[in-house]
Amino acid sequence: MRRYDFALNWSGTVKENFVAFLQDSCKEKKISFLWVSGENAGKVLRDIEQGRIKITILLDTEATYNKKGDSYARICYAVKDAGGVVINDPDRTKAAIDKSILHFELVNAGILAPYTVIVRNWQPSVYRLTDQERQKLGIPFVIKPALGYGQLGVIRDARGTIREIAHARNFDRGDNFLLQEKIVPIELGGKRAWFRVFNLFNTIIPCWWNDSENHYEHVLYEEFNSYALYPLAKTVSKIASLTRMAWFSTEIAIDNKNNRKRFLAIDYANDQCSMDTQSETPSGVPDHVVKYTASHIIDAAYKYIHRSKSEKKYIIWLKDANIEIRGLGSAPELLKPIIK
């Protein structure tokens, strides 16, 4: 049997920066590495199922759990069933990525989210909003599929017509979808107060995310303090506790509706974080954030493999500082095998 300490589900075959950073970190830590791509996914799946390959930790960036027969999803379950660890655990992920489920869990946990109407997949195409729902949603509002990703199937400026709702539903008639209040963020220092925040085990990484221009900037220590951005970290730590996912991102926007400053979870939990770097594409994540992410994942894998104790105190990693803030609790124990 061939054993790999660390494997990566990554469908491409071009060695992008994130893949190179992971491989470099594995080499530094003397961890064996397996790249599962579109070229070898079928063979890897057969080898795992037939006991020819054993993977200790799998990092997944490809599985589509609502797509029947998806090979990457099957690899995730094959690794888990054989006693390995998957980042993120497939069962936890399946529950967390459904926005129609997670929405109510967030609200019940005290996390603010835009006003939302859930439309179930069995409801008719001629679904109509009530007058009260229209008033609370406002015009325009956003329509998005519950299991959507990459902005697919999203209508950003819906006016509430039956045709719009039916069109959104036709993106995937088996999916639920959300009608959601459109958030207009305030400005802080000339920047739109819209953030993409990464949860990386015990580390929270807040970035400005200009949703109009698709541009990232890593938050500075002075910005975090002067704009009182602590609720970004509090929101993400709560989502981590609810979903028990090791690595995810969420979008958080700040508005001032009714003269009340609100930190709102917009996109809940994205389990497969885009790790294109800014040196590869203008809409990419800052290179130093991607490199840090890869290094941190491999460091966590190394500690798990060697049964070293992992730090559970939350760190907020800013562009120019690391800080600890009380009140976030402890990061969940996430690298823990379900079956041995």
C-alpha atoms as a PDB file:
ATOM      1  CA  MET A   1       0.000   0.000   0.000  1.00  0.00           C
ATOM      2  CA  ARG A   2       1.264   3.464  -0.897  1.00  0.00           C
ATOM      3  CA  ARG A   3       0.783   6.056   1.842  1.00  0.00           C
ATOM      4  CA  TYR A   4       0.532   9.807   1.337  1.00  0.00           C
ATOM      5  CA  ASP A   5       0.619  12.239   4.233  1.00  0.00           C
ATOM      6  CA  PHE A   6      -1.158  14.994   2.336  1.00  0.00           C
ATOM      7  CA  ALA A   7      -3.256  15.077  -0.835  1.00  0.00           C
ATOM      8  CA  LEU A   8      -4.881  17.938  -2.720  1.00  0.00           C
ATOM      9  CA  ASN A   9      -8.052  17.819  -4.822  1.00  0.00           C
ATOM     10  CA  TRP A  10      -7.236  20.433  -7.490  1.00  0.00           C
ATOM     11  CA  SER A  11      -8.726  19.846 -10.916  1.00  0.00           C
ATOM     12  CA  GLY A  12      -6.242  21.852 -12.959  1.00  0.00           C
ATOM     13  CA  THR A  13      -2.919  20.540 -14.167  1.00  0.00           C
ATOM     14  CA  VAL A  14      -1.065  23.866 -14.284  1.00  0.00           C
ATOM     15  CA  LYS A  15       0.949  24.445 -11.129  1.00  0.00           C
ATOM     16  CA  GLU A  16      -0.645  27.639  -9.879  1.00  0.00           C
ATOM     17  CA  ASN A  17       0.934  29.552  -7.000  1.00  0.00           C
ATOM     18  CA  PHE A  18      -1.240  27.986  -4.299  1.00  0.00           C
ATOM     19  CA  VAL A  19      -0.284  24.479  -5.419  1.00  0.00           C
ATOM     20  CA  ALA A  20       3.378  25.453  -5.548  1.00  0.00           C
ATOM     21  CA  PHE A  21       3.184  26.974  -2.046  1.00  0.00           C
ATOM     22  CA  LEU A  22       1.620  23.771  -0.684  1.00  0.00           C
ATOM     23  CA  GLN A  23       4.250  21.597  -2.353  1.00  0.00           C
ATOM     24  CA  ASP A  24       7.078  23.791  -1.067  1.00  0.00           C
ATOM     25  CA  SER A  25       5.699  23.638   2.482  1.00  0.00           C
ATOM     26  CA  CYS A  26       5.333  19.846   2.258  1.00  0.00           C
ATOM     27  CA  LYS A  27       8.912  19.532   1.052  1.00  0.00           C
ATOM     28  CA  GLU A  28      10.127  21.723   3.916  1.00  0.00           C
ATOM     29  CA  LYS A  29       8.230  19.591   6.468  1.00  0.00           C
ATOM     30  CA  LYS A  30       9.187  16.297   4.758  1.00  0.00           C
ATOM     31  CA  ILE A  31       5.521  15.469   4.124  1.00  0.00           C
ATOM     32  CA  SER A  32       4.623  13.326   1.112  1.00  0.00           C
ATOM     33  CA  PHE A  33       2.282  15.050  -1.357  1.00  0.00           C
ATOM     34  CA  LEU A  34      -0.275  13.763  -3.874  1.00  0.00           C
ATOM     35  CA  TRP A  35      -1.912  16.052  -6.421  1.00  0.00           C
ATOM     36  CA  VAL A  36      -5.344  14.753  -7.463  1.00  0.00           C
ATOM     37  CA  SER A  37      -6.312  16.395 -10.752  1.00  0.00           C
ATOM     38  CA  GLY A  38      -8.659  15.798 -13.652  1.00  0.00           C
ATOM     39  CA  GLU A  39      -6.036  13.512 -15.144  1.00  0.00           C
ATOM     40  CA  ASN A  40      -5.749  11.025 -12.284  1.00  0.00           C
ATOM     41  CA  ALA A  41      -8.891  11.460 -10.120  1.00  0.00           C
ATOM     42  CA  GLY A  42     -10.533   8.262 -11.388  1.00  0.00           C
ATOM     43  CA  LYS A  43      -7.437   6.168 -10.778  1.00  0.00           C
ATOM     44  CA  VAL A  44      -6.876   7.671  -7.331  1.00  0.00           C
ATOM     45  CA  LEU A  45     -10.477   6.889  -6.372  1.00  0.00           C
ATOM     46  CA  ARG A  46     -10.122   3.253  -7.458  1.00  0.00           C
ATOM     47  CA  ASP A  47      -6.793   2.924  -5.662  1.00  0.00           C
ATOM     48  CA  ILE A  48      -8.251   4.256  -2.398  1.00  0.00           C
ATOM     49  CA  GLU A  49     -11.343   2.048  -2.608  1.00  0.00           C
ATOM     50  CA  GLN A  50      -9.240  -1.025  -3.378  1.00  0.00           C
ATOM     51  CA  GLY A  51      -6.724  -0.348  -0.625  1.00  0.00           C
ATOM     52  CA  ARG A  52      -3.738   0.483  -2.827  1.00  0.00           C
ATOM     53  CA  ILE A  53      -3.483   4.070  -1.543  1.00  0.00           C
ATOM     54  CA  LYS A  54      -3.865   5.476   1.969  1.00  0.00           C
ATOM     55  CA  ILE A  55      -4.227   9.255   2.453  1.00  0.00           C
ATOM     56  CA  THR A  56      -3.818  10.750   5.926  1.00  0.00           C
ATOM     57  CA  ILE A  57      -5.071  14.283   5.160  1.00  0.00           C
ATOM     58  CA  LEU A  58      -6.922  15.476   2.056  1.00  0.00           C
ATOM     59  CA  LEU A  59      -7.441  19.146   1.236  1.00  0.00           C
ATOM     60  CA  ASP A  60     -10.475  19.462  -1.023  1.00  0.00           C
ATOM     61  CA  THR A  61     -11.102  22.394  -3.350  1.00  0.00           C
ATOM     62  CA  GLU A  62     -13.247  20.630  -5.950  1.00  0.00           C
ATOM     63  CA  ALA A  63     -16.004  18.370  -4.558  1.00  0.00           C
ATOM     64  CA  THR A  64     -19.592  19.101  -5.618  1.00  0.00           C
ATOM     65  CA  TYR A  65     -21.700  17.165  -3.140  1.00  0.00           C
ATOM     66  CA  ASN A  66     -25.039  17.875  -4.805  1.00  0.00           C
ATOM     67  CA  LYS A  67     -23.789  16.473  -8.118  1.00  0.00           C
ATOM     68  CA  LYS A  68     -24.450  12.742  -8.310  1.00  0.00           C
ATOM     69  CA  GLY A  69     -21.328  10.688  -8.941  1.00  0.00           C
ATOM     70  CA  ASP A  70     -18.904  13.614  -8.583  1.00  0.00           C
ATOM     71  CA  SER A  71     -15.472  11.954  -8.473  1.00  0.00           C
ATOM     72  CA  TYR A  72     -13.929  14.499  -6.088  1.00  0.00           C
ATOM     73  CA  ALA A  73     -16.820  14.101  -3.639  1.00  0.00           C
ATOM     74  CA  ARG A  74     -16.383  10.324  -3.808  1.00  0.00           C
ATOM     75  CA  ILE A  75     -12.655  10.710  -3.111  1.00  0.00           C
ATOM     76  CA  CYS A  76     -13.459  12.815  -0.031  1.00  0.00           C
ATOM     77  CA  TYR A  77     -15.759  10.124   1.321  1.00  0.00           C
ATOM     78  CA  ALA A  78     -13.331   7.335   0.410  1.00  0.00           C
ATOM     79  CA  VAL A  79     -10.578   9.070   2.390  1.00  0.00           C
ATOM     80  CA  LYS A  80     -12.902   9.657   5.353  1.00  0.00           C
ATOM     81  CA  ASP A  81     -14.256   6.087   5.291  1.00  0.00           C
ATOM     82  CA  ALA A  82     -10.684   4.780   5.362  1.00  0.00           C
ATOM     83  CA  GLY A  83      -9.973   6.788   8.534  1.00  0.00           C
ATOM     84  CA  GLY A  84      -8.345   9.841   6.948  1.00  0.00           C
ATOM     85  CA  VAL A  85      -9.127  13.471   7.575  1.00  0.00           C
ATOM     86  CA  VAL A  86     -10.693  15.731   4.954  1.00  0.00           C
ATOM     87  CA  ILE A  87     -10.458  19.519   4.960  1.00  0.00           C
ATOM     88  CA  ASN A  88     -13.343  20.207   5.044  1.00  0.00           C
ATOM     89  CA  ASP A  89     -15.153  17.139   6.385  1.00  0.00           C
ATOM     90  CA  PRO A  90     -17.709  16.180   3.695  1.00  0.00           C
ATOM     91  CA  ASP A  91     -20.697  15.720   6.017  1.00  0.00           C
ATOM     92  CA  ARG A  92     -20.122  18.986   7.811  1.00  0.00           C
ATOM     93  CA  THR A  93     -19.615  20.721   4.494  1.00  0.00           C
ATOM     94  CA  LYS A  94     -22.827  19.361   2.931  1.00  0.00           C
ATOM     95  CA  ALA A  95     -24.845  20.939   5.734  1.00  0.00           C
ATOM     96  CA  ALA A  96     -22.891  24.201   5.867  1.00  0.00           C
ATOM     97  CA  ILE A  97     -22.962  25.106   2.172  1.00  0.00           C
ATOM     98  CA  ASP A  98     -26.762  25.043   1.949  1.00  0.00           C
ATOM     99  CA  LYS A  99     -27.635  28.684   2.551  1.00  0.00           C
ATOM    100  CA  SER A 100     -31.299  27.821   3.101  1.00  0.00           C
ATOM    101  CA  ILE A 101     -30.247  25.756   6.138  1.00  0.00           C
ATOM    102  CA  LEU A 102     -27.379  27.837   7.469  1.00  0.00           C
ATOM    103  CA  HIS A 103     -29.356  31.089   7.287  1.00  0.00           C
ATOM    104  CA  PHE A 104     -31.613  30.097  10.176  1.00  0.00           C
ATOM    105  CA  GLU A 105     -28.702  28.694  12.206  1.00  0.00           C
ATOM    106  CA  LEU A 106     -26.851  32.004  11.871  1.00  0.00           C
ATOM    107  CA  VAL A 107     -29.881  34.057  12.849  1.00  0.00           C
ATOM    108  CA  ASN A 108     -30.634  31.807  15.836  1.00  0.00           C
ATOM    109  CA  ALA A 109     -26.997  32.198  16.946  1.00  0.00           C
ATOM    110  CA  GLY A 110     -27.372  35.979  16.979  1.00  0.00           C
ATOM    111  CA  ILE A 111     -25.478  36.631  13.746  1.00  0.00           C
ATOM    112  CA  LEU A 112     -26.994  39.420  11.681  1.00  0.00           C
ATOM    113  CA  ALA A 113     -27.906  38.597   8.072  1.00  0.00           C
ATOM    114  CA  PRO A 114     -29.927  40.472   5.446  1.00  0.00           C
ATOM    115  CA  TYR A 115     -33.695  39.986   5.609  1.00  0.00           C
ATOM    116  CA  THR A 116     -34.309  36.782   3.656  1.00  0.00           C
ATOM    117  CA  VAL A 117     -37.239  34.865   2.218  1.00  0.00           C
ATOM    118  CA  ILE A 118     -36.551  31.169   1.529  1.00  0.00           C
ATOM    119  CA  VAL A 119     -38.383  29.728  -1.482  1.00  0.00           C
ATOM    120  CA  ARG A 120     -38.444  25.920  -1.472  1.00  0.00           C
ATOM    121  CA  ASN A 121     -37.823  23.884  -4.606  1.00  0.00           C
ATOM    122  CA  TRP A 122     -41.315  22.369  -4.492  1.00  0.00           C
ATOM    123  CA  GLN A 123     -43.039  25.739  -4.465  1.00  0.00           C
ATOM    124  CA  PRO A 124     -44.588  26.743  -7.803  1.00  0.00           C
ATOM    125  CA  SER A 125     -42.902  28.848 -10.471  1.00  0.00           C
ATOM    126  CA  VAL A 126     -45.692  31.411 -10.013  1.00  0.00           C
ATOM    127  CA  TYR A 127     -44.542  32.103  -6.438  1.00  0.00           C
ATOM    128  CA  ARG A 128     -45.625  35.549  -5.260  1.00  0.00           C
ATOM    129  CA  LEU A 129     -44.253  37.684  -2.475  1.00  0.00           C
ATOM    130  CA  THR A 130     -46.636  38.996   0.154  1.00  0.00           C
ATOM    131  CA  ASP A 131     -46.939  42.749   0.610  1.00  0.00           C
ATOM    132  CA  GLN A 132     -45.084  42.462   3.934  1.00  0.00           C
ATOM    133  CA  GLU A 133     -42.239  40.497   2.333  1.00  0.00           C
ATOM    134  CA  ARG A 134     -41.923  43.065  -0.447  1.00  0.00           C
ATOM    135  CA  GLN A 135     -41.741  45.869   2.074  1.00  0.00           C
ATOM    136  CA  LYS A 136     -39.030  44.160   4.144  1.00  0.00           C
ATOM    137  CA  LEU A 137     -36.985  43.076   1.126  1.00  0.00           C
ATOM    138  CA  GLY A 138     -37.099  46.495  -0.493  1.00  0.00           C
ATOM    139  CA  ILE A 139     -36.470  47.152  -4.177  1.00  0.00           C
ATOM    140  CA  PRO A 140     -34.145  46.044  -5.657  1.00  0.00           C
ATOM    141  CA  PHE A 141     -33.218  42.830  -3.857  1.00  0.00           C
ATOM    142  CA  VAL A 142     -30.964  39.846  -4.541  1.00  0.00           C
ATOM    143  CA  ILE A 143     -31.976  36.335  -5.644  1.00  0.00           C
ATOM    144  CA  LYS A 144     -29.492  33.498  -5.174  1.00  0.00           C
ATOM    145  CA  PRO A 145     -29.629  29.679  -5.210  1.00  0.00           C
ATOM    146  CA  ALA A 146     -29.090  28.004  -1.844  1.00  0.00           C
ATOM    147  CA  LEU A 147     -26.322  25.759  -3.182  1.00  0.00           C
ATOM    148  CA  GLY A 148     -24.917  28.248  -5.664  1.00  0.00           C
ATOM    149  CA  TYR A 149     -21.286  29.269  -5.921  1.00  0.00           C
ATOM    150  CA  GLY A 150     -19.165  31.641  -7.977  1.00  0.00           C
ATOM    151  CA  GLN A 151     -22.135  34.029  -8.404  1.00  0.00           C
ATOM    152  CA  LEU A 152     -23.845  31.521 -10.721  1.00  0.00           C
ATOM    153  CA  GLY A 153     -27.633  31.887 -10.825  1.00  0.00           C
ATOM    154  CA  VAL A 154     -27.529  35.167  -8.881  1.00  0.00           C
ATOM    155  CA  ILE A 155     -29.785  38.117  -9.782  1.00  0.00           C
ATOM    156  CA  ARG A 156     -28.430  41.256  -8.093  1.00  0.00           C
ATOM    157  CA  ASP A 157     -31.149  43.790  -8.890  1.00  0.00           C
ATOM    158  CA  ALA A 158     -34.453  41.935  -8.772  1.00  0.00           C
ATOM    159  CA  ARG A 159     -37.614  44.025  -8.824  1.00  0.00           C
ATOM    160  CA  GLY A 160     -39.906  41.274  -7.548  1.00  0.00           C
ATOM    161  CA  THR A 161     -41.634  40.150 -10.718  1.00  0.00           C
ATOM    162  CA  ILE A 162     -42.840  36.555 -11.107  1.00  0.00           C
ATOM    163  CA  ARG A 163     -40.698  36.257 -14.238  1.00  0.00           C
ATOM    164  CA  GLU A 164     -37.508  37.090 -12.308  1.00  0.00           C
ATOM    165  CA  ILE A 165     -38.278  34.603  -9.562  1.00  0.00           C
ATOM    166  CA  ALA A 166     -39.153  31.886 -12.073  1.00  0.00           C
ATOM    167  CA  HIS A 167     -35.957  32.594 -14.046  1.00  0.00           C
ATOM    168  CA  ALA A 168     -33.824  32.297 -10.906  1.00  0.00           C
ATOM    169  CA  ARG A 169     -35.558  29.076  -9.942  1.00  0.00           C
ATOM    170  CA  ASN A 170     -34.878  27.590 -13.382  1.00  0.00           C
ATOM    171  CA  PHE A 171     -31.116  27.792 -12.701  1.00  0.00           C
ATOM    172  CA  ASP A 172     -31.562  24.609 -10.658  1.00  0.00           C
ATOM    173  CA  ARG A 173     -35.148  23.473 -10.125  1.00  0.00           C
ATOM    174  CA  GLY A 174     -34.015  20.975  -7.494  1.00  0.00           C
ATOM    175  CA  ASP A 175     -32.502  23.693  -5.327  1.00  0.00           C
ATOM    176  CA  ASN A 176     -34.068  26.091  -2.840  1.00  0.00           C
ATOM    177  CA  PHE A 177     -33.327  29.752  -3.383  1.00  0.00           C
ATOM    178  CA  LEU A 178     -33.116  32.896  -1.330  1.00  0.00           C
ATOM    179  CA  LEU A 179     -34.663  36.300  -1.866  1.00  0.00           C
ATOM    180  CA  GLN A 180     -32.464  38.652   0.102  1.00  0.00           C
ATOM    181  CA  GLU A 181     -32.416  42.308   1.073  1.00  0.00           C
ATOM    182  CA  LYS A 182     -29.777  44.150  -0.953  1.00  0.00           C
ATOM    183  CA  ILE A 183     -27.109  45.665   1.279  1.00  0.00           C
ATOM    184  CA  VAL A 184     -25.541  49.033   0.473  1.00  0.00           C
ATOM    185  CA  PRO A 185     -22.351  49.322   2.541  1.00  0.00           C
ATOM    186  CA  ILE A 186     -21.058  52.462   4.181  1.00  0.00           C
ATOM    187  CA  GLU A 187     -17.622  53.805   3.344  1.00  0.00           C
ATOM    188  CA  LEU A 188     -14.687  53.666   5.726  1.00  0.00           C
ATOM    189  CA  GLY A 189     -11.694  55.777   4.741  1.00  0.00           C
ATOM    190  CA  GLY A 190     -12.924  55.925   1.157  1.00  0.00           C
ATOM    191  CA  LYS A 191     -13.367  52.123   0.911  1.00  0.00           C
ATOM    192  CA  ARG A 192     -16.614  50.189   0.648  1.00  0.00           C
ATOM    193  CA  ALA A 193     -17.160  48.454   4.006  1.00  0.00           C
ATOM    194  CA  TRP A 194     -17.392  45.012   2.427  1.00  0.00           C
ATOM    195  CA  PHE A 195     -15.043  42.285   3.593  1.00  0.00           C
ATOM    196  CA  ARG A 196     -14.102  38.747   2.772  1.00  0.00           C
ATOM    197  CA  VAL A 197     -12.860  37.106   5.941  1.00  0.00           C
ATOM    198  CA  PHE A 198     -11.027  33.780   5.958  1.00  0.00           C
ATOM    199  CA  ASN A 199     -11.201  31.278   8.793  1.00  0.00           C
ATOM    200  CA  LEU A 200      -8.066  29.123   8.801  1.00  0.00           C
ATOM    201  CA  PHE A 201      -8.193  26.724  11.770  1.00  0.00           C
ATOM    202  CA  ASN A 202      -7.392  29.072  14.680  1.00  0.00           C
ATOM    203  CA  THR A 203      -6.567  32.088  12.495  1.00  0.00           C
ATOM    204  CA  ILE A 204      -8.931  34.756  11.184  1.00  0.00           C
ATOM    205  CA  ILE A 205      -7.750  36.780   8.174  1.00  0.00           C
ATOM    206  CA  PRO A 206      -9.869  39.857   7.329  1.00  0.00           C
ATOM    207  CA  CYS A 207      -9.561  41.404   3.870  1.00  0.00           C
ATOM    208  CA  TRP A 208     -11.302  44.320   2.260  1.00  0.00           C
ATOM    209  CA  TRP A 209     -13.290  42.964  -0.673  1.00  0.00           C
ATOM    210  CA  ASN A 210     -14.512  45.495  -3.209  1.00  0.00           C
ATOM    211  CA  ASP A 211     -17.519  43.579  -4.502  1.00  0.00           C
ATOM    212  CA  SER A 212     -17.960  46.054  -7.366  1.00  0.00           C
ATOM    213  CA  GLU A 213     -14.404  45.800  -8.678  1.00  0.00           C
ATOM    214  CA  ASN A 214     -13.516  42.305  -7.361  1.00  0.00           C
ATOM    215  CA  HIS A 215     -10.417  43.518  -5.541  1.00  0.00           C
ATOM    216  CA  TYR A 216      -8.811  42.389  -2.256  1.00  0.00           C
ATOM    217  CA  GLU A 217      -6.752  44.292   0.300  1.00  0.00           C
ATOM    218  CA  HIS A 218      -5.488  42.769   3.538  1.00  0.00           C
ATOM    219  CA  VAL A 219      -6.782  44.777   6.524  1.00  0.00           C
ATOM    220  CA  LEU A 220      -4.154  46.801   8.414  1.00  0.00           C
ATOM    221  CA  TYR A 221      -3.843  46.908  12.216  1.00  0.00           C
ATOM    222  CA  GLU A 222      -4.659  50.640  12.269  1.00  0.00           C
ATOM    223  CA  GLU A 223      -7.782  50.040  10.147  1.00  0.00           C
ATOM    224  CA  PHE A 224      -8.925  47.178  12.364  1.00  0.00           C
ATOM    225  CA  ASN A 225      -8.676  49.398  15.443  1.00  0.00           C
ATOM    226  CA  SER A 226      -9.819  52.771  14.133  1.00  0.00           C
ATOM    227  CA  TYR A 227     -12.866  51.337  12.338  1.00  0.00           C
ATOM    228  CA  ALA A 228     -13.737  49.013  15.251  1.00  0.00           C
ATOM    229  CA  LEU A 229     -13.763  45.873  13.077  1.00  0.00           C
ATOM    230  CA  TYR A 230     -13.803  43.386  15.957  1.00  0.00           C
ATOM    231  CA  PRO A 231     -17.301  42.104  14.930  1.00  0.00           C
ATOM    232  CA  LEU A 232     -15.714  40.662  11.761  1.00  0.00           C
ATOM    233  CA  ALA A 233     -13.743  38.243  13.906  1.00  0.00           C
ATOM    234  CA  LYS A 234     -16.656  37.562  16.250  1.00  0.00           C
ATOM    235  CA  THR A 235     -18.947  36.681  13.342  1.00  0.00           C
ATOM    236  CA  VAL A 236     -16.438  34.323  11.741  1.00  0.00           C
ATOM    237  CA  SER A 237     -15.639  32.546  15.007  1.00  0.00           C
ATOM    238  CA  LYS A 238     -19.381  31.937  15.518  1.00  0.00           C
ATOM    239  CA  ILE A 239     -19.737  30.545  11.996  1.00  0.00           C
ATOM    240  CA  ALA A 240     -16.756  28.246  12.643  1.00  0.00           C
ATOM    241  CA  SER A 241     -18.392  27.001  15.827  1.00  0.00           C
ATOM    242  CA  LEU A 242     -21.672  26.348  14.005  1.00  0.00           C
ATOM    243  CA  THR A 243     -20.281  24.690  10.875  1.00  0.00           C
ATOM    244  CA  ARG A 244     -17.157  23.099  12.368  1.00  0.00           C
ATOM    245  CA  MET A 245     -15.344  23.652   9.120  1.00  0.00           C
ATOM    246  CA  ALA A 246     -11.584  24.139   9.257  1.00  0.00           C
ATOM    247  CA  TRP A 247     -11.130  26.462   6.309  1.00  0.00           C
ATOM    248  CA  PHE A 248     -13.752  28.728   4.790  1.00  0.00           C
ATOM    249  CA  SER A 249     -14.480  32.326   3.895  1.00  0.00           C
ATOM    250  CA  THR A 250     -17.476  34.537   4.453  1.00  0.00           C
ATOM    251  CA  GLU A 251     -18.489  37.950   3.159  1.00  0.00           C
ATOM    252  CA  ILE A 252     -19.431  40.563   5.736  1.00  0.00           C
ATOM    253  CA  ALA A 253     -20.720  44.036   4.926  1.00  0.00           C
ATOM    254  CA  ILE A 254     -21.350  47.016   7.182  1.00  0.00           C
ATOM    255  CA  ASP A 255     -24.352  49.224   6.529  1.00  0.00           C
ATOM    256  CA  ASN A 256     -26.127  51.955   8.472  1.00  0.00           C
ATOM    257  CA  LYS A 257     -29.791  51.088   8.020  1.00  0.00           C
ATOM    258  CA  ASN A 258     -32.072  53.187  10.234  1.00  0.00           C
ATOM    259  CA  ASN A 259     -28.962  54.926  11.613  1.00  0.00           C
ATOM    260  CA  ARG A 260     -27.779  51.661  13.127  1.00  0.00           C
ATOM    261  CA  LYS A 261     -24.373  50.271  12.195  1.00  0.00           C
ATOM    262  CA  ARG A 262     -24.841  46.609  11.242  1.00  0.00           C
ATOM    263  CA  PHE A 263     -22.252  43.918  10.501  1.00  0.00           C
ATOM    264  CA  LEU A 264     -24.104  41.501   8.217  1.00  0.00           C
ATOM    265  CA  ALA A 265     -23.058  38.037   7.080  1.00  0.00           C
ATOM    266  CA  ILE A 266     -23.736  38.123   3.333  1.00  0.00           C
ATOM    267  CA  ASP A 267     -22.457  34.902   1.817  1.00  0.00           C
ATOM    268  CA  TYR A 268     -22.373  32.718   4.960  1.00  0.00           C
ATOM    269  CA  ALA A 269     -19.714  30.001   4.486  1.00  0.00           C
ATOM    270  CA  ASN A 270     -17.754  29.281   1.306  1.00  0.00           C
ATOM    271  CA  ASP A 271     -16.014  25.966   1.870  1.00  0.00           C
ATOM    272  CA  GLN A 272     -13.764  26.131  -1.210  1.00  0.00           C
ATOM    273  CA  CYS A 273     -11.850  29.384  -0.968  1.00  0.00           C
ATOM    274  CA  SER A 274     -10.571  30.824  -4.220  1.00  0.00           C
ATOM    275  CA  MET A 275      -6.783  30.935  -3.918  1.00  0.00           C
ATOM    276  CA  ASP A 276      -5.830  32.639  -7.172  1.00  0.00           C
ATOM    277  CA  THR A 277      -3.136  35.176  -6.310  1.00  0.00           C
ATOM    278  CA  GLN A 278      -3.070  38.835  -7.298  1.00  0.00           C
ATOM    279  CA  SER A 279       0.096  38.205  -9.287  1.00  0.00           C
ATOM    280  CA  GLU A 280      -1.951  35.734 -11.368  1.00  0.00           C
ATOM    281  CA  THR A 281      -5.175  37.750 -11.712  1.00  0.00           C
ATOM    282  CA  PRO A 282      -6.276  41.253 -10.584  1.00  0.00           C
ATOM    283  CA  SER A 283      -9.216  39.717  -8.673  1.00  0.00           C
ATOM    284  CA  GLY A 284      -6.937  37.349  -6.784  1.00  0.00           C
ATOM    285  CA  VAL A 285      -6.135  37.149  -3.090  1.00  0.00           C
ATOM    286  CA  PRO A 286      -2.950  39.008  -2.020  1.00  0.00           C
ATOM    287  CA  ASP A 287       0.019  36.707  -2.650  1.00  0.00           C
ATOM    288  CA  HIS A 288       1.259  36.865   0.940  1.00  0.00           C
ATOM    289  CA  VAL A 289      -2.183  35.752   2.210  1.00  0.00           C
ATOM    290  CA  VAL A 290      -2.216  32.756  -0.156  1.00  0.00           C
ATOM    291  CA  LYS A 291       1.335  31.796   0.837  1.00  0.00           C
ATOM    292  CA  TYR A 292       0.489  32.092   4.533  1.00  0.00           C
ATOM    293  CA  THR A 293      -2.652  29.983   4.021  1.00  0.00           C
ATOM    294  CA  ALA A 294      -0.714  27.182   2.323  1.00  0.00           C
ATOM    295  CA  SER A 295       1.985  27.227   5.001  1.00  0.00           C
ATOM    296  CA  HIS A 296      -0.579  27.228   7.829  1.00  0.00           C
ATOM    297  CA  ILE A 297      -2.498  24.282   6.355  1.00  0.00           C
ATOM    298  CA  ILE A 298       0.664  22.208   6.017  1.00  0.00           C
ATOM    299  CA  ASP A 299       1.785  23.193   9.519  1.00  0.00           C
ATOM    300  CA  ALA A 300      -1.575  21.956  10.871  1.00  0.00           C
ATOM    301  CA  ALA A 301      -1.169  18.739   8.884  1.00  0.00           C
ATOM    302  CA  TYR A 302       2.357  18.257  10.247  1.00  0.00           C
ATOM    303  CA  LYS A 303       1.152  18.682  13.836  1.00  0.00           C
ATOM    304  CA  TYR A 304      -1.667  16.207  13.260  1.00  0.00           C
ATOM    305  CA  ILE A 305       0.630  13.615  11.679  1.00  0.00           C
ATOM    306  CA  HIS A 306       3.127  13.937  14.526  1.00  0.00           C
ATOM    307  CA  ARG A 307       0.407  14.150  17.199  1.00  0.00           C
ATOM    308  CA  SER A 308       1.582  17.590  18.322  1.00  0.00           C
ATOM    309  CA  LYS A 309      -0.745  19.859  20.226  1.00  0.00           C
ATOM    310  CA  SER A 310      -2.499  22.482  18.092  1.00  0.00           C
ATOM    311  CA  GLU A 311      -3.046  26.001  19.359  1.00  0.00           C
ATOM    312  CA  LYS A 312      -6.768  26.683  19.853  1.00  0.00           C
ATOM    313  CA  LYS A 313      -6.591  30.360  20.810  1.00  0.00           C
ATOM    314  CA  TYR A 314      -7.803  32.522  17.974  1.00  0.00           C
ATOM    315  CA  ILE A 315      -5.309  34.792  16.242  1.00  0.00           C
ATOM    316  CA  ILE A 316      -6.407  37.667  14.008  1.00  0.00           C
ATOM    317  CA  TRP A 317      -3.796  37.959  11.279  1.00  0.00           C
ATOM    318  CA  LEU A 318      -3.609  41.463   9.841  1.00  0.00           C
ATOM    319  CA  LYS A 319      -1.276  42.754   7.163  1.00  0.00           C
ATOM    320  CA  ASP A 320       1.135  44.244   9.663  1.00  0.00           C
ATOM    321  CA  ALA A 321       0.308  42.521  12.972  1.00  0.00           C
ATOM    322  CA  ASN A 322      -0.951  39.400  14.751  1.00  0.00           C
ATOM    323  CA  ILE A 323      -3.352  40.054  17.588  1.00  0.00           C
ATOM    324  CA  GLU A 324      -5.295  38.038  20.140  1.00  0.00           C
ATOM    325  CA  ILE A 325      -8.654  39.337  21.339  1.00  0.00           C
ATOM    326  CA  ARG A 326     -10.619  37.968  24.260  1.00  0.00           C
ATOM    327  CA  GLY A 327     -14.166  36.822  23.763  1.00  0.00           C
ATOM    328  CA  LEU A 328     -13.743  34.683  20.650  1.00  0.00           C
ATOM    329  CA  GLY A 329     -13.529  31.424  22.560  1.00  0.00           C
ATOM    330  CA  SER A 330     -11.417  28.523  21.308  1.00  0.00           C
ATOM    331  CA  ALA A 331     -11.180  27.265  17.765  1.00  0.00           C
ATOM    332  CA  PRO A 332     -12.951  23.904  17.272  1.00  0.00           C
ATOM    333  CA  GLU A 333     -10.835  20.747  17.171  1.00  0.00           C
ATOM    334  CA  LEU A 334     -11.069  20.116  13.448  1.00  0.00           C
ATOM    335  CA  LEU A 335      -8.272  17.740  12.450  1.00  0.00           C
ATOM    336  CA  LYS A 336      -9.748  14.757  14.149  1.00  0.00           C
ATOM    337  CA  PRO A 337     -10.512  11.454  12.394  1.00  0.00           C
ATOM    338  CA  ILE A 338     -14.151  10.317  12.503  1.00  0.00           C
ATOM    339  CA  ILE A 339     -13.377   6.667  11.761  1.00  0.00           C
ATOM    340  CA  LYS A 340     -10.169   4.789  12.579  1.00  0.00           C
END
